[in-house]
């Protein structure tokens, strides 16, 4: 039966884009550049700092000066990673429900532990999160199944009895490779040009409020087939 839930971090559990946006706007202003449109940043959050900065500064990662720009961004983010970041609407209630059900939940992210650990702590979620797996803690990041399998080991659950929720095709690919049911978070940072229907997730939701009914139904269905 369904015994646990795993979340992607940025764009699924937490809405982090405003903190990225504030840093990028400040960096552009200090260089005498006009503001960049918020959607430009939101569309590239799933591509990490490289994707966001490439779009925001119209630079290729191989260009001279790009790595220094990225390091400046990361240093600034170290100091301001939880200023405007919040759980998506409906996530706190969902986590409360999972806790009340005795259903452990965790996070599998492509965000470095340097940022993920303090961010979860700042959000008051560190002590409630039963597993956190970041790319610097594994040999292969998503879409490889290794991070999801490691999280299941940390929680003491079988992958087929968990579910992975994410807003990027690599999340769904990783879940499938780990033999997990998957949920596409359509409210998240869907990359431009992506058709989530083509990801072939087990289920999809347009808001976190839709997650609890599906999880509860899945839990009930699987319990009756034990």
C-alpha atoms as a PDB file:
ATOM      1  CA  UNK A   1       0.000   0.000   0.000  1.00  0.00           C
ATOM      2  CA  UNK A   2       0.984   3.645  -0.291  1.00  0.00           C
ATOM      3  CA  UNK A   3       3.250   4.322   2.675  1.00  0.00           C
ATOM      4  CA  UNK A   4       5.218   7.492   1.841  1.00  0.00           C
ATOM      5  CA  UNK A   5       5.465  10.551  -0.385  1.00  0.00           C
ATOM      6  CA  UNK A   6       8.474  12.190  -2.014  1.00  0.00           C
ATOM      7  CA  UNK A   7       8.508  15.738  -3.366  1.00  0.00           C
ATOM      8  CA  UNK A   8      10.697  17.673  -5.725  1.00  0.00           C
ATOM      9  CA  UNK A   9      11.703  20.928  -3.995  1.00  0.00           C
ATOM     10  CA  UNK A  10      11.667  24.035  -6.216  1.00  0.00           C
ATOM     11  CA  UNK A  11       8.356  24.335  -8.043  1.00  0.00           C
ATOM     12  CA  UNK A  12       6.685  21.459  -6.219  1.00  0.00           C
ATOM     13  CA  UNK A  13       7.060  21.792  -2.448  1.00  0.00           C
ATOM     14  CA  UNK A  14       8.316  25.392  -2.277  1.00  0.00           C
ATOM     15  CA  UNK A  15       7.740  28.467  -4.432  1.00  0.00           C
ATOM     16  CA  UNK A  16      11.305  29.801  -4.568  1.00  0.00           C
ATOM     17  CA  UNK A  17      11.258  31.980  -7.668  1.00  0.00           C
ATOM     18  CA  UNK A  18      10.839  35.337  -5.887  1.00  0.00           C
ATOM     19  CA  UNK A  19      14.152  34.955  -4.085  1.00  0.00           C
ATOM     20  CA  UNK A  20      15.922  34.092  -7.344  1.00  0.00           C
ATOM     21  CA  UNK A  21      14.212  37.036  -8.998  1.00  0.00           C
ATOM     22  CA  UNK A  22      15.253  39.529  -6.310  1.00  0.00           C
ATOM     23  CA  UNK A  23      18.917  38.545  -6.605  1.00  0.00           C
ATOM     24  CA  UNK A  24      18.940  38.669 -10.401  1.00  0.00           C
ATOM     25  CA  UNK A  25      17.200  42.061 -10.468  1.00  0.00           C
ATOM     26  CA  UNK A  26      19.750  43.454  -8.006  1.00  0.00           C
ATOM     27  CA  UNK A  27      22.643  42.090 -10.068  1.00  0.00           C
ATOM     28  CA  UNK A  28      21.252  43.604 -13.260  1.00  0.00           C
ATOM     29  CA  UNK A  29      20.586  46.957 -11.612  1.00  0.00           C
ATOM     30  CA  UNK A  30      24.146  47.134 -10.284  1.00  0.00           C
ATOM     31  CA  UNK A  31      25.387  46.575 -13.835  1.00  0.00           C
ATOM     32  CA  UNK A  32      23.176  49.323 -15.248  1.00  0.00           C
ATOM     33  CA  UNK A  33      20.830  46.863 -16.920  1.00  0.00           C
ATOM     34  CA  UNK A  34      17.030  47.164 -17.032  1.00  0.00           C
ATOM     35  CA  UNK A  35      14.808  44.709 -15.123  1.00  0.00           C
ATOM     36  CA  UNK A  36      14.122  41.340 -16.666  1.00  0.00           C
ATOM     37  CA  UNK A  37      10.612  39.914 -16.919  1.00  0.00           C
ATOM     38  CA  UNK A  38       9.675  37.537 -14.106  1.00  0.00           C
ATOM     39  CA  UNK A  39       8.440  34.866 -16.506  1.00  0.00           C
ATOM     40  CA  UNK A  40      11.926  34.695 -18.023  1.00  0.00           C
ATOM     41  CA  UNK A  41      13.271  33.545 -14.665  1.00  0.00           C
ATOM     42  CA  UNK A  42      10.329  31.329 -13.729  1.00  0.00           C
ATOM     43  CA  UNK A  43      10.603  29.415 -17.000  1.00  0.00           C
ATOM     44  CA  UNK A  44      14.235  28.509 -16.247  1.00  0.00           C
ATOM     45  CA  UNK A  45      14.112  27.704 -12.517  1.00  0.00           C
ATOM     46  CA  UNK A  46      14.146  23.982 -13.299  1.00  0.00           C
ATOM     47  CA  UNK A  47      17.446  24.494 -15.154  1.00  0.00           C
ATOM     48  CA  UNK A  48      19.107  25.842 -12.022  1.00  0.00           C
ATOM     49  CA  UNK A  49      21.401  28.835 -11.745  1.00  0.00           C
ATOM     50  CA  UNK A  50      22.968  28.167 -15.157  1.00  0.00           C
ATOM     51  CA  UNK A  51      19.608  28.279 -16.925  1.00  0.00           C
ATOM     52  CA  UNK A  52      18.302  31.311 -15.060  1.00  0.00           C
ATOM     53  CA  UNK A  53      21.476  33.353 -15.518  1.00  0.00           C
ATOM     54  CA  UNK A  54      21.840  32.391 -19.170  1.00  0.00           C
ATOM     55  CA  UNK A  55      18.382  33.814 -19.839  1.00  0.00           C
ATOM     56  CA  UNK A  56      18.646  36.797 -17.503  1.00  0.00           C
ATOM     57  CA  UNK A  57      22.007  37.984 -18.867  1.00  0.00           C
ATOM     58  CA  UNK A  58      21.778  36.561 -22.405  1.00  0.00           C
ATOM     59  CA  UNK A  59      25.045  34.697 -21.919  1.00  0.00           C
ATOM     60  CA  UNK A  60      26.197  31.201 -22.731  1.00  0.00           C
ATOM     61  CA  UNK A  61      27.724  29.205 -19.856  1.00  0.00           C
ATOM     62  CA  UNK A  62      30.928  28.868 -21.897  1.00  0.00           C
ATOM     63  CA  UNK A  63      31.403  32.639 -22.239  1.00  0.00           C
ATOM     64  CA  UNK A  64      34.113  34.457 -20.315  1.00  0.00           C
ATOM     65  CA  UNK A  65      32.747  35.896 -17.108  1.00  0.00           C
ATOM     66  CA  UNK A  66      29.794  33.533 -16.816  1.00  0.00           C
ATOM     67  CA  UNK A  67      31.262  31.392 -14.045  1.00  0.00           C
ATOM     68  CA  UNK A  68      32.113  34.491 -11.995  1.00  0.00           C
ATOM     69  CA  UNK A  69      28.537  35.701 -12.516  1.00  0.00           C
ATOM     70  CA  UNK A  70      27.194  32.361 -11.348  1.00  0.00           C
ATOM     71  CA  UNK A  71      29.420  32.293  -8.269  1.00  0.00           C
ATOM     72  CA  UNK A  72      28.233  35.788  -7.340  1.00  0.00           C
ATOM     73  CA  UNK A  73      24.634  34.631  -7.695  1.00  0.00           C
ATOM     74  CA  UNK A  74      25.238  31.570  -5.525  1.00  0.00           C
ATOM     75  CA  UNK A  75      26.992  33.592  -2.829  1.00  0.00           C
ATOM     76  CA  UNK A  76      24.077  36.028  -2.726  1.00  0.00           C
ATOM     77  CA  UNK A  77      21.607  33.155  -2.593  1.00  0.00           C
ATOM     78  CA  UNK A  78      23.483  31.669   0.356  1.00  0.00           C
ATOM     79  CA  UNK A  79      22.618  34.832   2.287  1.00  0.00           C
ATOM     80  CA  UNK A  80      19.030  35.281   1.101  1.00  0.00           C
ATOM     81  CA  UNK A  81      17.510  31.899   0.293  1.00  0.00           C
ATOM     82  CA  UNK A  82      14.414  32.188   2.477  1.00  0.00           C
ATOM     83  CA  UNK A  83      13.347  35.816   2.250  1.00  0.00           C
ATOM     84  CA  UNK A  84      10.322  35.435  -0.016  1.00  0.00           C
ATOM     85  CA  UNK A  85      10.226  31.658  -0.454  1.00  0.00           C
ATOM     86  CA  UNK A  86       7.057  29.983   0.808  1.00  0.00           C
ATOM     87  CA  UNK A  87       5.362  26.600   0.500  1.00  0.00           C
ATOM     88  CA  UNK A  88       2.833  26.585  -2.309  1.00  0.00           C
ATOM     89  CA  UNK A  89      -0.735  27.176  -1.140  1.00  0.00           C
ATOM     90  CA  UNK A  90      -2.118  23.916   0.170  1.00  0.00           C
ATOM     91  CA  UNK A  91       1.260  22.302   0.899  1.00  0.00           C
ATOM     92  CA  UNK A  92       1.270  23.053   4.671  1.00  0.00           C
ATOM     93  CA  UNK A  93      -2.150  21.441   5.033  1.00  0.00           C
ATOM     94  CA  UNK A  94      -1.014  18.447   2.988  1.00  0.00           C
ATOM     95  CA  UNK A  95       2.075  17.948   5.134  1.00  0.00           C
ATOM     96  CA  UNK A  96      -0.042  18.193   8.285  1.00  0.00           C
ATOM     97  CA  UNK A  97      -2.307  15.472   6.890  1.00  0.00           C
ATOM     98  CA  UNK A  98       0.627  13.229   5.980  1.00  0.00           C
ATOM     99  CA  UNK A  99       2.011  13.624   9.492  1.00  0.00           C
ATOM    100  CA  UNK A 100      -1.392  12.825  11.005  1.00  0.00           C
ATOM    101  CA  UNK A 101      -1.538   9.658   8.892  1.00  0.00           C
ATOM    102  CA  UNK A 102       1.893   8.591  10.054  1.00  0.00           C
ATOM    103  CA  UNK A 103       2.986   8.692   6.432  1.00  0.00           C
ATOM    104  CA  UNK A 104       6.637   9.800   6.127  1.00  0.00           C
ATOM    105  CA  UNK A 105       7.506  12.279   3.423  1.00  0.00           C
ATOM    106  CA  UNK A 106      10.784  13.421   1.967  1.00  0.00           C
ATOM    107  CA  UNK A 107      12.459  15.585  -0.661  1.00  0.00           C
ATOM    108  CA  UNK A 108      14.510  14.560  -3.671  1.00  0.00           C
ATOM    109  CA  UNK A 109      15.961  17.562  -5.453  1.00  0.00           C
ATOM    110  CA  UNK A 110      18.614  18.672  -7.926  1.00  0.00           C
ATOM    111  CA  UNK A 111      19.307  21.610  -5.595  1.00  0.00           C
ATOM    112  CA  UNK A 112      22.657  21.290  -3.825  1.00  0.00           C
ATOM    113  CA  UNK A 113      22.632  20.370  -0.140  1.00  0.00           C
ATOM    114  CA  UNK A 114      24.461  23.661   0.481  1.00  0.00           C
ATOM    115  CA  UNK A 115      21.114  25.353  -0.163  1.00  0.00           C
ATOM    116  CA  UNK A 116      18.522  22.634   0.430  1.00  0.00           C
ATOM    117  CA  UNK A 117      19.431  21.891   4.050  1.00  0.00           C
ATOM    118  CA  UNK A 118      19.283  25.493   5.329  1.00  0.00           C
ATOM    119  CA  UNK A 119      16.228  26.226   3.193  1.00  0.00           C
ATOM    120  CA  UNK A 120      14.194  23.395   4.726  1.00  0.00           C
ATOM    121  CA  UNK A 121      15.377  24.500   8.160  1.00  0.00           C
ATOM    122  CA  UNK A 122      14.317  28.086   7.487  1.00  0.00           C
ATOM    123  CA  UNK A 123      10.880  26.855   6.379  1.00  0.00           C
ATOM    124  CA  UNK A 124      10.499  24.878   9.617  1.00  0.00           C
ATOM    125  CA  UNK A 125      10.418  21.588   7.706  1.00  0.00           C
ATOM    126  CA  UNK A 126      13.795  20.036   8.501  1.00  0.00           C
ATOM    127  CA  UNK A 127      12.625  18.101  11.568  1.00  0.00           C
ATOM    128  CA  UNK A 128       9.524  16.820   9.769  1.00  0.00           C
ATOM    129  CA  UNK A 129      11.236  15.715   6.572  1.00  0.00           C
ATOM    130  CA  UNK A 130      12.171  12.016   6.797  1.00  0.00           C
ATOM    131  CA  UNK A 131      14.529  12.050   3.811  1.00  0.00           C
ATOM    132  CA  UNK A 132      16.463  14.643   1.857  1.00  0.00           C
ATOM    133  CA  UNK A 133      18.560  13.638  -1.141  1.00  0.00           C
ATOM    134  CA  UNK A 134      20.529  16.229  -3.116  1.00  0.00           C
ATOM    135  CA  UNK A 135      22.670  15.766  -6.246  1.00  0.00           C
ATOM    136  CA  UNK A 136      25.948  16.113  -4.346  1.00  0.00           C
ATOM    137  CA  UNK A 137      24.949  13.141  -2.177  1.00  0.00           C
ATOM    138  CA  UNK A 138      24.612  10.634  -5.032  1.00  0.00           C
ATOM    139  CA  UNK A 139      26.578   9.464  -8.042  1.00  0.00           C
ATOM    140  CA  UNK A 140      23.752  10.233 -10.479  1.00  0.00           C
ATOM    141  CA  UNK A 141      21.127  12.983 -10.247  1.00  0.00           C
ATOM    142  CA  UNK A 142      17.635  12.871 -11.689  1.00  0.00           C
ATOM    143  CA  UNK A 143      16.409  11.543 -14.070  1.00  0.00           C
ATOM    144  CA  UNK A 144      18.481   8.607 -12.788  1.00  0.00           C
ATOM    145  CA  UNK A 145      16.526   6.668 -10.130  1.00  0.00           C
ATOM    146  CA  UNK A 146      19.411   6.600  -7.633  1.00  0.00           C
ATOM    147  CA  UNK A 147      18.275   9.667  -5.612  1.00  0.00           C
ATOM    148  CA  UNK A 148      14.739   8.314  -5.242  1.00  0.00           C
ATOM    149  CA  UNK A 149      15.961   4.882  -4.249  1.00  0.00           C
ATOM    150  CA  UNK A 150      18.287   6.421  -1.676  1.00  0.00           C
ATOM    151  CA  UNK A 151      15.410   8.433  -0.201  1.00  0.00           C
ATOM    152  CA  UNK A 152      13.332   5.257   0.107  1.00  0.00           C
ATOM    153  CA  UNK A 153      16.185   3.580   1.989  1.00  0.00           C
ATOM    154  CA  UNK A 154      16.377   6.565   4.344  1.00  0.00           C
ATOM    155  CA  UNK A 155      12.643   6.298   5.034  1.00  0.00           C
ATOM    156  CA  UNK A 156      12.645   2.519   5.233  1.00  0.00           C
ATOM    157  CA  UNK A 157      10.013   2.065   2.524  1.00  0.00           C
ATOM    158  CA  UNK A 158       9.734   0.171  -0.742  1.00  0.00           C
ATOM    159  CA  UNK A 159       9.819   2.395  -3.862  1.00  0.00           C
ATOM    160  CA  UNK A 160       6.648   0.836  -5.245  1.00  0.00           C
ATOM    161  CA  UNK A 161       4.832   1.899  -2.061  1.00  0.00           C
ATOM    162  CA  UNK A 162       5.878   5.532  -2.398  1.00  0.00           C
ATOM    163  CA  UNK A 163       4.947   8.251  -4.897  1.00  0.00           C
ATOM    164  CA  UNK A 164       7.083  11.013  -6.387  1.00  0.00           C
ATOM    165  CA  UNK A 165       5.653  14.450  -7.132  1.00  0.00           C
ATOM    166  CA  UNK A 166       7.495  16.845  -9.448  1.00  0.00           C
ATOM    167  CA  UNK A 167       7.121  19.617 -12.018  1.00  0.00           C
ATOM    168  CA  UNK A 168       9.740  18.545 -14.570  1.00  0.00           C
ATOM    169  CA  UNK A 169       9.924  15.651 -17.040  1.00  0.00           C
ATOM    170  CA  UNK A 170      13.081  14.376 -15.368  1.00  0.00           C
ATOM    171  CA  UNK A 171      11.092  13.962 -12.132  1.00  0.00           C
ATOM    172  CA  UNK A 172       8.614  11.685 -13.850  1.00  0.00           C
ATOM    173  CA  UNK A 173      11.374   9.784 -15.636  1.00  0.00           C
ATOM    174  CA  UNK A 174      13.202   9.263 -12.343  1.00  0.00           C
ATOM    175  CA  UNK A 175      10.034   8.038 -10.654  1.00  0.00           C
ATOM    176  CA  UNK A 176       9.297   5.575 -13.429  1.00  0.00           C
ATOM    177  CA  UNK A 177      12.871   4.288 -13.383  1.00  0.00           C
ATOM    178  CA  UNK A 178      12.529   3.745  -9.619  1.00  0.00           C
ATOM    179  CA  UNK A 179       9.279   1.798 -10.135  1.00  0.00           C
ATOM    180  CA  UNK A 180       7.215   4.477  -8.380  1.00  0.00           C
ATOM    181  CA  UNK A 181       3.861   6.005  -9.240  1.00  0.00           C
ATOM    182  CA  UNK A 182       4.335   9.660 -10.178  1.00  0.00           C
ATOM    183  CA  UNK A 183       2.360  12.896 -10.028  1.00  0.00           C
ATOM    184  CA  UNK A 184       3.043  15.833 -12.348  1.00  0.00           C
ATOM    185  CA  UNK A 185       2.716  19.137 -10.459  1.00  0.00           C
ATOM    186  CA  UNK A 186       1.233  21.352 -13.167  1.00  0.00           C
ATOM    187  CA  UNK A 187       1.226  24.350 -10.803  1.00  0.00           C
ATOM    188  CA  UNK A 188       5.023  24.382 -10.765  1.00  0.00           C
ATOM    189  CA  UNK A 189       7.757  25.712 -13.021  1.00  0.00           C
ATOM    190  CA  UNK A 190       6.853  23.853 -16.199  1.00  0.00           C
ATOM    191  CA  UNK A 191       9.597  24.406 -18.798  1.00  0.00           C
ATOM    192  CA  UNK A 192       8.411  26.322 -21.880  1.00  0.00           C
ATOM    193  CA  UNK A 193       7.387  24.124 -24.756  1.00  0.00           C
ATOM    194  CA  UNK A 194       6.741  21.160 -22.487  1.00  0.00           C
ATOM    195  CA  UNK A 195       3.534  19.162 -22.755  1.00  0.00           C
ATOM    196  CA  UNK A 196       3.086  17.470 -19.369  1.00  0.00           C
ATOM    197  CA  UNK A 197       0.582  15.067 -20.909  1.00  0.00           C
ATOM    198  CA  UNK A 198       3.507  13.606 -22.803  1.00  0.00           C
ATOM    199  CA  UNK A 199       5.347  12.820 -19.585  1.00  0.00           C
ATOM    200  CA  UNK A 200       2.845  10.015 -18.943  1.00  0.00           C
ATOM    201  CA  UNK A 201       2.802  10.500 -15.193  1.00  0.00           C
ATOM    202  CA  UNK A 202       0.486   8.304 -13.171  1.00  0.00           C
ATOM    203  CA  UNK A 203      -1.556  11.391 -12.292  1.00  0.00           C
ATOM    204  CA  UNK A 204      -1.360  15.174 -12.588  1.00  0.00           C
ATOM    205  CA  UNK A 205      -2.642  18.023 -10.425  1.00  0.00           C
ATOM    206  CA  UNK A 206      -3.206  21.703 -11.090  1.00  0.00           C
ATOM    207  CA  UNK A 207      -2.897  22.699  -7.427  1.00  0.00           C
ATOM    208  CA  UNK A 208      -1.551  21.140  -4.224  1.00  0.00           C
ATOM    209  CA  UNK A 209      -5.145  20.978  -2.960  1.00  0.00           C
ATOM    210  CA  UNK A 210      -5.730  18.133  -5.429  1.00  0.00           C
ATOM    211  CA  UNK A 211      -2.963  15.998  -3.948  1.00  0.00           C
ATOM    212  CA  UNK A 212      -4.584  14.900  -0.697  1.00  0.00           C
ATOM    213  CA  UNK A 213      -7.763  13.436  -2.274  1.00  0.00           C
ATOM    214  CA  UNK A 214      -5.699  11.432  -4.767  1.00  0.00           C
ATOM    215  CA  UNK A 215      -3.255  10.188  -2.140  1.00  0.00           C
ATOM    216  CA  UNK A 216      -6.090   9.246   0.219  1.00  0.00           C
ATOM    217  CA  UNK A 217      -7.903   7.373  -2.544  1.00  0.00           C
ATOM    218  CA  UNK A 218      -4.703   5.587  -3.590  1.00  0.00           C
ATOM    219  CA  UNK A 219      -4.046   4.642   0.006  1.00  0.00           C
ATOM    220  CA  UNK A 220      -7.561   3.231   0.368  1.00  0.00           C
ATOM    221  CA  UNK A 221      -7.468   1.353  -2.940  1.00  0.00           C
ATOM    222  CA  UNK A 222      -4.165  -0.293  -2.185  1.00  0.00           C
ATOM    223  CA  UNK A 223      -5.208  -1.166   1.366  1.00  0.00           C
ATOM    224  CA  UNK A 224      -8.265  -3.048   0.088  1.00  0.00           C
ATOM    225  CA  UNK A 225      -6.072  -5.097  -2.244  1.00  0.00           C
ATOM    226  CA  UNK A 226      -3.609  -6.227   0.428  1.00  0.00           C
END
